Amino acid sequence: MAKLLVGAALGLGGATIGVPLALGAIGFTAAGITAGSVAAGMMSSAAAAGGGGVAAGSLVAVLQSVGAAGLSAAATASSTAGGTLLAAVLL
């Protein structure tokens, strides 16, 4: 039981802290895409491939959405469940 609680805590922490930190580090922030960042390069490539615009639902659009607003409740729950399962297998 302790393994499952540790896994759940790790999964929840990863979803609520780790994902936003990682996205912010590469340039997907609440204020928008940071100039000169990895995210800016991705956006530039996506725009060039898309004829000047970034398509809704594309990887860049989804990552920016998560960077700006965080993960949805469903994604957070899924990450928590994944952490629980991983801990049950590894610990």
N, C-alpha and C. Protein backbone atom coordinates (compact mmCIF):
# COMPACT_ATOMS: atom_id res chain seq x y z
N MET A 1 0.82 -1.20 0.00
CA MET A 1 0.00 0.00 0.00
C MET A 1 0.86 1.26 0.00
N ALA A 2 1.97 1.21 0.74
CA ALA A 2 2.87 2.37 0.79
C ALA A 2 3.45 2.66 -0.59
N LYS A 3 3.74 1.60 -1.35
CA LYS A 3 4.26 1.78 -2.71
C LYS A 3 3.27 2.56 -3.56
N LEU A 4 2.00 2.20 -3.44
CA LEU A 4 0.98 2.87 -4.25
C LEU A 4 0.84 4.33 -3.88
N LEU A 5 0.93 4.63 -2.58
CA LEU A 5 0.83 6.03 -2.15
C LEU A 5 2.03 6.84 -2.63
N VAL A 6 3.22 6.25 -2.56
CA VAL A 6 4.41 6.93 -3.06
C VAL A 6 4.28 7.17 -4.56
N GLY A 7 3.84 6.17 -5.29
CA GLY A 7 3.66 6.32 -6.73
C GLY A 7 2.64 7.37 -7.08
N ALA A 8 1.54 7.39 -6.35
CA ALA A 8 0.50 8.40 -6.59
C ALA A 8 1.05 9.80 -6.34
N ALA A 9 1.82 9.94 -5.27
CA ALA A 9 2.40 11.25 -4.95
C ALA A 9 3.39 11.68 -6.03
N LEU A 10 4.21 10.74 -6.50
CA LEU A 10 5.16 11.06 -7.57
C LEU A 10 4.44 11.42 -8.86
N GLY A 11 3.41 10.68 -9.21
CA GLY A 11 2.65 10.97 -10.42
C GLY A 11 1.97 12.32 -10.35
N LEU A 12 1.36 12.62 -9.20
CA LEU A 12 0.69 13.90 -9.01
C LEU A 12 1.70 15.04 -9.03
N GLY A 13 2.83 14.84 -8.38
CA GLY A 13 3.87 15.87 -8.37
C GLY A 13 4.42 16.12 -9.77
N GLY A 14 4.60 15.05 -10.53
CA GLY A 14 5.08 15.21 -11.90
C GLY A 14 4.11 15.99 -12.76
N ALA A 15 2.83 15.71 -12.57
CA ALA A 15 1.80 16.38 -13.38
C ALA A 15 1.63 17.84 -12.99
N THR A 16 1.68 18.12 -11.69
CA THR A 16 1.39 19.48 -11.25
C THR A 16 2.61 20.38 -11.16
N ILE A 17 3.79 19.78 -11.00
CA ILE A 17 5.01 20.58 -10.86
C ILE A 17 5.98 20.32 -12.01
N GLY A 18 6.25 19.06 -12.28
CA GLY A 18 7.26 18.69 -13.27
C GLY A 18 6.94 19.13 -14.68
N VAL A 19 5.72 18.87 -15.13
CA VAL A 19 5.35 19.21 -16.52
C VAL A 19 5.41 20.72 -16.75
N PRO A 20 4.78 21.54 -15.90
CA PRO A 20 4.88 22.99 -16.14
C PRO A 20 6.31 23.51 -16.08
N LEU A 21 7.13 22.97 -15.17
CA LEU A 21 8.53 23.41 -15.09
C LEU A 21 9.29 23.04 -16.36
N ALA A 22 9.09 21.83 -16.84
CA ALA A 22 9.79 21.39 -18.05
C ALA A 22 9.36 22.22 -19.26
N LEU A 23 8.06 22.45 -19.38
CA LEU A 23 7.58 23.25 -20.52
C LEU A 23 8.08 24.69 -20.43
N GLY A 24 8.08 25.25 -19.24
CA GLY A 24 8.60 26.60 -19.06
C GLY A 24 10.07 26.70 -19.41
N ALA A 25 10.81 25.66 -19.07
CA ALA A 25 12.25 25.65 -19.34
C ALA A 25 12.56 25.66 -20.84
N ILE A 26 11.67 25.08 -21.64
CA ILE A 26 11.92 25.09 -23.09
C ILE A 26 11.18 26.22 -23.80
N GLY A 27 10.45 27.05 -23.04
CA GLY A 27 9.88 28.25 -23.62
C GLY A 27 8.37 28.34 -23.74
N PHE A 28 7.63 27.33 -23.29
CA PHE A 28 6.17 27.40 -23.32
C PHE A 28 5.70 27.93 -21.97
N THR A 29 5.36 29.22 -21.89
CA THR A 29 5.03 29.85 -20.61
C THR A 29 3.62 30.44 -20.62
N ALA A 30 3.17 30.85 -19.45
CA ALA A 30 1.85 31.47 -19.33
C ALA A 30 1.78 32.78 -20.10
N ALA A 31 2.92 33.44 -20.27
CA ALA A 31 2.96 34.71 -20.99
C ALA A 31 3.11 34.53 -22.50
N GLY A 32 3.26 33.29 -22.94
CA GLY A 32 3.44 33.01 -24.36
C GLY A 32 4.76 32.31 -24.61
N ILE A 33 5.11 32.15 -25.86
CA ILE A 33 6.35 31.48 -26.22
C ILE A 33 7.52 32.46 -26.08
N THR A 34 8.55 32.01 -25.37
CA THR A 34 9.72 32.84 -25.11
C THR A 34 10.59 32.96 -26.37
N ALA A 35 10.93 34.21 -26.71
CA ALA A 35 11.78 34.46 -27.88
C ALA A 35 13.13 33.76 -27.75
N GLY A 36 13.59 33.15 -28.83
CA GLY A 36 14.89 32.50 -28.85
C GLY A 36 14.94 31.14 -28.18
N SER A 37 13.82 30.62 -27.74
CA SER A 37 13.78 29.34 -27.02
C SER A 37 13.55 28.18 -27.98
N VAL A 38 13.64 26.98 -27.43
CA VAL A 38 13.30 25.78 -28.20
C VAL A 38 11.87 25.88 -28.71
N ALA A 39 10.98 26.38 -27.86
CA ALA A 39 9.57 26.52 -28.26
C ALA A 39 9.43 27.47 -29.45
N ALA A 40 10.22 28.54 -29.45
CA ALA A 40 10.16 29.50 -30.56
C ALA A 40 10.63 28.82 -31.86
N GLY A 41 11.65 28.00 -31.76
CA GLY A 41 12.12 27.26 -32.94
C GLY A 41 11.06 26.30 -33.45
N MET A 42 10.40 25.61 -32.51
CA MET A 42 9.33 24.69 -32.90
C MET A 42 8.19 25.43 -33.58
N MET A 43 7.83 26.59 -33.00
CA MET A 43 6.74 27.36 -33.56
C MET A 43 7.10 27.87 -34.96
N SER A 44 8.33 28.32 -35.13
CA SER A 44 8.78 28.81 -36.43
C SER A 44 8.71 27.70 -37.48
N SER A 45 9.17 26.51 -37.11
CA SER A 45 9.12 25.38 -38.04
C SER A 45 7.69 25.00 -38.38
N ALA A 46 6.83 24.98 -37.36
CA ALA A 46 5.42 24.63 -37.59
C ALA A 46 4.73 25.65 -38.47
N ALA A 47 5.05 26.93 -38.26
CA ALA A 47 4.44 27.99 -39.07
C ALA A 47 4.92 27.91 -40.51
N ALA A 48 6.21 27.64 -40.70
CA ALA A 48 6.75 27.53 -42.05
C ALA A 48 6.11 26.36 -42.79
N ALA A 49 5.94 25.25 -42.10
CA ALA A 49 5.34 24.06 -42.72
C ALA A 49 3.85 24.25 -42.96
N GLY A 50 3.22 25.10 -42.15
CA GLY A 50 1.78 25.29 -42.26
C GLY A 50 1.38 26.50 -43.09
N GLY A 51 2.31 27.05 -43.83
CA GLY A 51 1.97 28.19 -44.68
C GLY A 51 1.83 29.50 -43.93
N GLY A 52 2.48 29.62 -42.78
CA GLY A 52 2.47 30.88 -42.04
C GLY A 52 1.72 30.85 -40.72
N GLY A 53 0.96 29.82 -40.48
CA GLY A 53 0.23 29.72 -39.22
C GLY A 53 0.49 28.39 -38.54
N VAL A 54 0.24 28.36 -37.25
CA VAL A 54 0.37 27.11 -36.48
C VAL A 54 -1.03 26.51 -36.36
N ALA A 55 -1.17 25.28 -36.81
CA ALA A 55 -2.49 24.63 -36.82
C ALA A 55 -2.99 24.34 -35.41
N ALA A 56 -4.27 24.58 -35.19
CA ALA A 56 -4.89 24.21 -33.92
C ALA A 56 -4.78 22.70 -33.74
N GLY A 57 -4.44 22.27 -32.54
CA GLY A 57 -4.31 20.85 -32.26
C GLY A 57 -2.94 20.29 -32.58
N SER A 58 -2.05 21.11 -33.16
CA SER A 58 -0.70 20.64 -33.44
C SER A 58 0.08 20.52 -32.14
N LEU A 59 1.23 19.86 -32.20
CA LEU A 59 2.06 19.68 -31.00
C LEU A 59 2.40 21.02 -30.37
N VAL A 60 2.80 21.99 -31.17
CA VAL A 60 3.15 23.31 -30.64
C VAL A 60 1.95 23.96 -29.95
N ALA A 61 0.79 23.87 -30.56
CA ALA A 61 -0.42 24.47 -29.98
C ALA A 61 -0.79 23.79 -28.66
N VAL A 62 -0.70 22.48 -28.62
CA VAL A 62 -1.04 21.75 -27.39
C VAL A 62 -0.04 22.07 -26.29
N LEU A 63 1.26 22.06 -26.60
CA LEU A 63 2.26 22.37 -25.58
C LEU A 63 2.11 23.80 -25.06
N GLN A 64 1.79 24.74 -25.94
CA GLN A 64 1.58 26.11 -25.47
C GLN A 64 0.36 26.21 -24.58
N SER A 65 -0.67 25.48 -24.92
CA SER A 65 -1.88 25.46 -24.10
C SER A 65 -1.57 24.94 -22.70
N VAL A 66 -0.83 23.85 -22.63
CA VAL A 66 -0.44 23.28 -21.33
C VAL A 66 0.49 24.23 -20.59
N GLY A 67 1.43 24.84 -21.32
CA GLY A 67 2.34 25.80 -20.70
C GLY A 67 1.61 26.99 -20.11
N ALA A 68 0.54 27.42 -20.77
CA ALA A 68 -0.21 28.58 -20.30
C ALA A 68 -1.20 28.25 -19.19
N ALA A 69 -1.85 27.10 -19.29
CA ALA A 69 -2.94 26.79 -18.35
C ALA A 69 -2.69 25.58 -17.46
N GLY A 70 -1.63 24.83 -17.72
CA GLY A 70 -1.39 23.61 -16.94
C GLY A 70 -2.16 22.44 -17.54
N LEU A 71 -1.98 21.28 -16.92
CA LEU A 71 -2.67 20.08 -17.40
C LEU A 71 -4.12 20.07 -16.95
N SER A 72 -4.95 19.43 -17.72
CA SER A 72 -6.36 19.28 -17.35
C SER A 72 -6.47 18.33 -16.17
N ALA A 73 -7.63 18.30 -15.55
CA ALA A 73 -7.86 17.38 -14.44
C ALA A 73 -7.70 15.93 -14.89
N ALA A 74 -8.15 15.63 -16.10
CA ALA A 74 -8.03 14.27 -16.61
C ALA A 74 -6.57 13.88 -16.82
N ALA A 75 -5.77 14.80 -17.35
CA ALA A 75 -4.34 14.51 -17.56
C ALA A 75 -3.61 14.37 -16.22
N THR A 76 -3.98 15.18 -15.25
CA THR A 76 -3.37 15.07 -13.92
C THR A 76 -3.74 13.73 -13.29
N ALA A 77 -4.99 13.33 -13.41
CA ALA A 77 -5.42 12.04 -12.85
C ALA A 77 -4.72 10.89 -13.55
N SER A 78 -4.55 11.00 -14.85
CA SER A 78 -3.87 9.96 -15.61
C SER A 78 -2.40 9.84 -15.19
N SER A 79 -1.75 10.96 -14.98
CA SER A 79 -0.36 10.95 -14.54
C SER A 79 -0.24 10.36 -13.14
N THR A 80 -1.17 10.68 -12.27
CA THR A 80 -1.17 10.12 -10.92
C THR A 80 -1.34 8.61 -10.97
N ALA A 81 -2.26 8.15 -11.81
CA ALA A 81 -2.48 6.71 -11.96
C ALA A 81 -1.25 6.03 -12.55
N GLY A 82 -0.61 6.68 -13.50
CA GLY A 82 0.61 6.13 -14.10
C GLY A 82 1.73 6.01 -13.10
N GLY A 83 1.90 7.03 -12.26
CA GLY A 83 2.91 6.98 -11.21
C GLY A 83 2.64 5.89 -10.20
N THR A 84 1.38 5.69 -9.88
CA THR A 84 0.99 4.62 -8.96
C THR A 84 1.33 3.27 -9.54
N LEU A 85 0.99 3.06 -10.79
CA LEU A 85 1.27 1.79 -11.46
C LEU A 85 2.77 1.55 -11.57
N LEU A 86 3.52 2.58 -11.94
CA LEU A 86 4.96 2.44 -12.07
C LEU A 86 5.60 2.09 -10.73
N ALA A 87 5.15 2.73 -9.66
CA ALA A 87 5.69 2.43 -8.34
C ALA A 87 5.36 1.00 -7.93
N ALA A 88 4.17 0.55 -8.27
CA ALA A 88 3.78 -0.83 -7.92
C ALA A 88 4.68 -1.84 -8.61
N VAL A 89 5.13 -1.51 -9.81
CA VAL A 89 5.98 -2.42 -10.57
C VAL A 89 7.44 -2.32 -10.13
N LEU A 90 7.92 -1.10 -9.90
CA LEU A 90 9.35 -0.89 -9.64
C LEU A 90 9.75 -0.99 -8.17
N LEU A 91 8.88 -0.61 -7.28
CA LEU A 91 9.28 -0.57 -5.85
C LEU A 91 9.03 -1.88 -5.14
